[in-house]
Amino acid sequence: MELAAGIERIRSLARDRGFDADFLERVLRAAWKAHEGQKRKDGAPYIVHPLRVGISVAEELGSRDQDLVAAGLLHDTVEDTDLGLDDVERLGGPRLRELVSLLTKPEIEDKKELDRVYFSRLRAGDPGASVVKCADRIDNLRDMARSGWSLEKKKGYLAEARDKILPVAREKAPAAARHLEKVADEIERAL
């Protein structure tokens, strides 16, 4: 995907939803630059994932909140690039910083403790972060279904969606949780 195509897609979304197109373009450009050179496991440019997540937040999950679209575009930047939370705040203010912070996994070695802290923060934080997390997992589940992962690994990834993400999302973002569950069910049946 080319930057121009991504910009046109996000501007079209902004027009359709009444969002600030200039704001979302700035955010997309920052995410694009931050993820430059990174690839998905299938070899696609990494930016296709955050772009799909941002679009999914509005189109698939029905959010009318442009901050959630922006958080979808930036959700992996702090964890995976040199873009920091201060940069995120300069782009979109304190709420966008909070959303991206909630979506960023803490640097904790022990997986069980990392999950405890991460999902506790999601549970205590802005409900919008759970909407974005659902869109993120939906996109990753769809990628996983097409991946060369073993059946065991795919089942484990689905189980994480059901056991860790859905309980928080049901509390914080019930409509997004229902959609994630529907997608997880469809993918599980196809395995």
Protein backbone atom coordinates (compact mmCIF):
# COMPACT_ATOMS: atom_id res chain seq x y z
CA MET A 1 0.00 0.00 0.00
CA GLU A 2 1.17 3.49 -0.84
CA LEU A 3 0.89 6.44 1.53
CA ALA A 4 -1.33 8.32 -0.92
CA ALA A 5 -3.83 5.43 -0.95
CA GLY A 6 -3.83 5.28 2.85
CA ILE A 7 -4.41 9.03 3.08
CA GLU A 8 -7.28 8.88 0.58
CA ARG A 9 -8.85 5.99 2.53
CA ILE A 10 -8.61 7.83 5.87
CA ARG A 11 -9.89 11.09 4.32
CA SER A 12 -12.84 9.21 2.82
CA LEU A 13 -13.61 7.72 6.23
CA ALA A 14 -13.37 11.19 7.80
CA ARG A 15 -15.79 12.65 5.22
CA ASP A 16 -18.28 9.81 5.72
CA ARG A 17 -18.19 10.06 9.52
CA GLY A 18 -17.82 13.81 10.01
CA PHE A 19 -14.30 13.47 11.47
CA ASP A 20 -11.47 16.00 11.15
CA ALA A 21 -9.71 14.73 8.01
CA ASP A 22 -6.59 16.89 8.56
CA PHE A 23 -6.18 15.52 12.08
CA LEU A 24 -6.54 11.88 10.99
CA GLU A 25 -4.16 12.45 8.07
CA ARG A 26 -1.52 13.89 10.46
CA VAL A 27 -1.93 10.87 12.72
CA LEU A 28 -1.71 8.45 9.79
CA ARG A 29 1.43 10.17 8.48
CA ALA A 30 3.03 9.88 11.93
CA ALA A 31 2.12 6.19 12.20
CA TRP A 32 3.32 5.59 8.63
CA LYS A 33 6.69 7.22 9.36
CA ALA A 34 7.05 5.42 12.69
CA HIS A 35 6.38 1.98 11.16
CA GLU A 36 8.45 2.65 8.03
CA GLY A 37 10.45 -0.41 7.02
CA GLN A 38 8.54 -2.76 9.35
CA LYS A 39 6.77 -5.75 7.83
CA ARG A 40 3.94 -8.02 8.91
CA LYS A 41 4.65 -11.73 9.09
CA ASP A 42 3.17 -12.12 5.59
CA GLY A 43 5.62 -9.52 4.21
CA ALA A 44 3.08 -6.70 3.86
CA PRO A 45 4.09 -3.26 5.14
CA TYR A 46 3.26 -3.13 8.86
CA ILE A 47 1.18 0.04 8.47
CA VAL A 48 -1.62 -1.93 6.80
CA HIS A 49 -2.52 -3.37 10.22
CA PRO A 50 -2.94 -0.07 12.14
CA LEU A 51 -4.75 1.40 9.15
CA ARG A 52 -7.21 -1.51 9.10
CA VAL A 53 -7.65 -1.21 12.88
CA GLY A 54 -8.43 2.51 12.67
CA ILE A 55 -10.92 1.96 9.87
CA SER A 56 -12.49 -1.02 11.66
CA VAL A 57 -13.09 1.07 14.79
CA ALA A 58 -15.40 3.34 12.79
CA GLU A 59 -16.80 1.14 10.05
CA GLU A 60 -17.05 -2.27 11.64
CA LEU A 61 -17.50 -1.35 15.31
CA GLY A 62 -19.50 1.80 14.60
CA SER A 63 -17.57 4.27 16.74
CA ARG A 64 -18.30 7.95 16.14
CA ASP A 65 -15.20 8.97 18.13
CA GLN A 66 -12.27 10.13 15.99
CA ASP A 67 -9.88 9.74 18.93
CA LEU A 68 -10.52 5.99 18.78
CA VAL A 69 -9.72 5.94 15.06
CA ALA A 70 -6.50 7.84 15.81
CA ALA A 71 -5.67 5.42 18.64
CA GLY A 72 -6.20 2.53 16.21
CA LEU A 73 -3.70 4.13 13.83
CA LEU A 74 -1.16 4.62 16.63
CA HIS A 75 -1.87 1.59 18.87
CA ASP A 76 1.43 -0.19 18.17
CA THR A 77 3.73 2.80 17.79
CA VAL A 78 4.88 3.25 21.38
CA GLU A 79 5.44 -0.49 21.80
CA ASP A 80 7.15 -1.12 18.45
CA THR A 81 8.73 2.16 17.23
CA ASP A 82 10.60 5.23 18.44
CA LEU A 83 7.39 7.27 18.70
CA GLY A 84 6.75 8.03 22.36
CA LEU A 85 3.72 8.99 24.41
CA ASP A 86 4.82 12.65 24.40
CA ASP A 87 4.78 12.53 20.58
CA VAL A 88 1.30 10.98 20.67
CA GLU A 89 0.08 13.74 22.97
CA ARG A 90 1.50 16.43 20.67
CA LEU A 91 -0.39 14.81 17.78
CA GLY A 92 -3.76 14.47 19.48
CA GLY A 93 -3.81 15.65 23.06
CA PRO A 94 -4.01 13.98 26.48
CA ARG A 95 -6.89 11.61 25.70
CA LEU A 96 -5.11 10.14 22.68
CA ARG A 97 -2.02 9.73 24.85
CA GLU A 98 -4.10 7.90 27.47
CA LEU A 99 -5.70 5.60 24.90
CA VAL A 100 -2.38 4.65 23.30
CA SER A 101 -0.82 4.21 26.74
CA LEU A 102 -3.60 1.80 27.74
CA LEU A 103 -3.04 -0.16 24.51
CA THR A 104 0.72 -0.39 25.04
CA LYS A 105 1.88 -3.49 26.87
CA PRO A 106 4.18 -2.76 29.80
CA GLU A 107 7.76 -3.97 29.69
CA ILE A 108 7.39 -6.92 32.06
CA GLU A 109 9.27 -10.16 31.43
CA ASP A 110 6.84 -12.55 33.11
CA LYS A 111 3.94 -13.15 30.68
CA LYS A 112 1.43 -13.87 33.44
CA GLU A 113 2.30 -10.65 35.30
CA LEU A 114 2.38 -8.66 32.04
CA ASP A 115 -1.12 -9.88 31.19
CA ARG A 116 -2.37 -9.13 34.71
CA VAL A 117 -1.08 -5.55 34.62
CA TYR A 118 -2.12 -4.92 31.00
CA PHE A 119 -5.68 -6.19 31.32
CA SER A 120 -6.13 -4.53 34.74
CA ARG A 121 -5.18 -1.20 33.14
CA LEU A 122 -7.60 -1.80 30.26
CA ARG A 123 -10.36 -2.67 32.74
CA ALA A 124 -9.73 0.51 34.76
CA GLY A 125 -9.21 2.83 31.79
CA ASP A 126 -11.15 4.67 29.11
CA PRO A 127 -13.71 2.31 27.52
CA GLY A 128 -12.50 3.48 24.11
CA ALA A 129 -9.26 1.55 24.61
CA SER A 130 -11.30 -1.67 24.77
CA VAL A 131 -13.02 -0.78 21.49
CA VAL A 132 -9.63 -0.33 19.82
CA LYS A 133 -8.33 -3.54 21.42
CA CYS A 134 -11.28 -5.44 19.95
CA ALA A 135 -10.59 -3.98 16.48
CA ASP A 136 -6.91 -4.90 16.87
CA ARG A 137 -7.70 -8.49 17.81
CA ILE A 138 -10.29 -8.82 15.03
CA ASP A 139 -7.69 -7.79 12.45
CA ASN A 140 -5.04 -10.05 13.95
CA LEU A 141 -7.46 -13.00 14.08
CA ARG A 142 -8.23 -12.55 10.40
CA ASP A 143 -4.51 -12.44 9.62
CA MET A 144 -3.93 -15.48 11.82
CA ALA A 145 -6.57 -17.44 9.94
CA ARG A 146 -4.58 -16.90 6.72
CA SER A 147 -1.20 -17.47 8.34
CA GLY A 148 0.97 -20.54 8.36
CA TRP A 149 0.59 -20.89 12.13
CA SER A 150 0.06 -24.33 13.56
CA LEU A 151 -3.47 -25.26 14.60
CA GLU A 152 -2.32 -25.28 18.24
CA LYS A 153 -0.96 -21.73 18.02
CA LYS A 154 -4.16 -20.52 16.32
CA LYS A 155 -6.29 -22.09 19.06
CA GLY A 156 -4.10 -20.45 21.71
CA TYR A 157 -4.53 -17.04 20.08
CA LEU A 158 -8.30 -17.53 19.93
CA ALA A 159 -8.30 -18.64 23.58
CA GLU A 160 -6.47 -15.45 24.57
CA ALA A 161 -9.17 -13.41 22.83
CA ARG A 162 -11.89 -15.32 24.68
CA ASP A 163 -10.23 -15.59 28.10
CA LYS A 164 -8.48 -12.23 28.43
CA ILE A 165 -9.81 -9.65 25.96
CA LEU A 166 -13.52 -10.49 25.90
CA PRO A 167 -14.10 -10.34 29.69
CA VAL A 168 -12.73 -6.78 29.80
CA ALA A 169 -14.47 -5.74 26.58
CA ARG A 170 -17.83 -7.08 27.76
CA GLU A 171 -17.60 -4.70 30.74
CA LYS A 172 -16.15 -1.69 28.92
CA ALA A 173 -17.36 -1.97 25.32
CA PRO A 174 -20.17 -4.54 25.03
CA ALA A 175 -21.03 -3.91 21.36
CA ALA A 176 -17.37 -4.25 20.31
CA ALA A 177 -17.10 -7.39 22.46
CA ARG A 178 -20.09 -8.95 20.71
CA HIS A 179 -18.51 -8.29 17.33
CA LEU A 180 -15.14 -9.70 18.40
CA GLU A 181 -16.88 -12.80 19.71
CA LYS A 182 -18.78 -13.22 16.42
CA VAL A 183 -15.53 -12.97 14.40
CA ALA A 184 -13.75 -15.36 16.79
CA ASP A 185 -16.60 -17.87 16.41
CA GLU A 186 -16.45 -17.63 12.60
CA ILE A 187 -12.68 -18.13 12.54
CA GLU A 188 -12.83 -20.99 15.02
CA ARG A 189 -15.43 -22.80 12.91
CA ALA A 190 -13.19 -22.42 9.84
CA LEU A 191 -10.11 -23.94 11.57
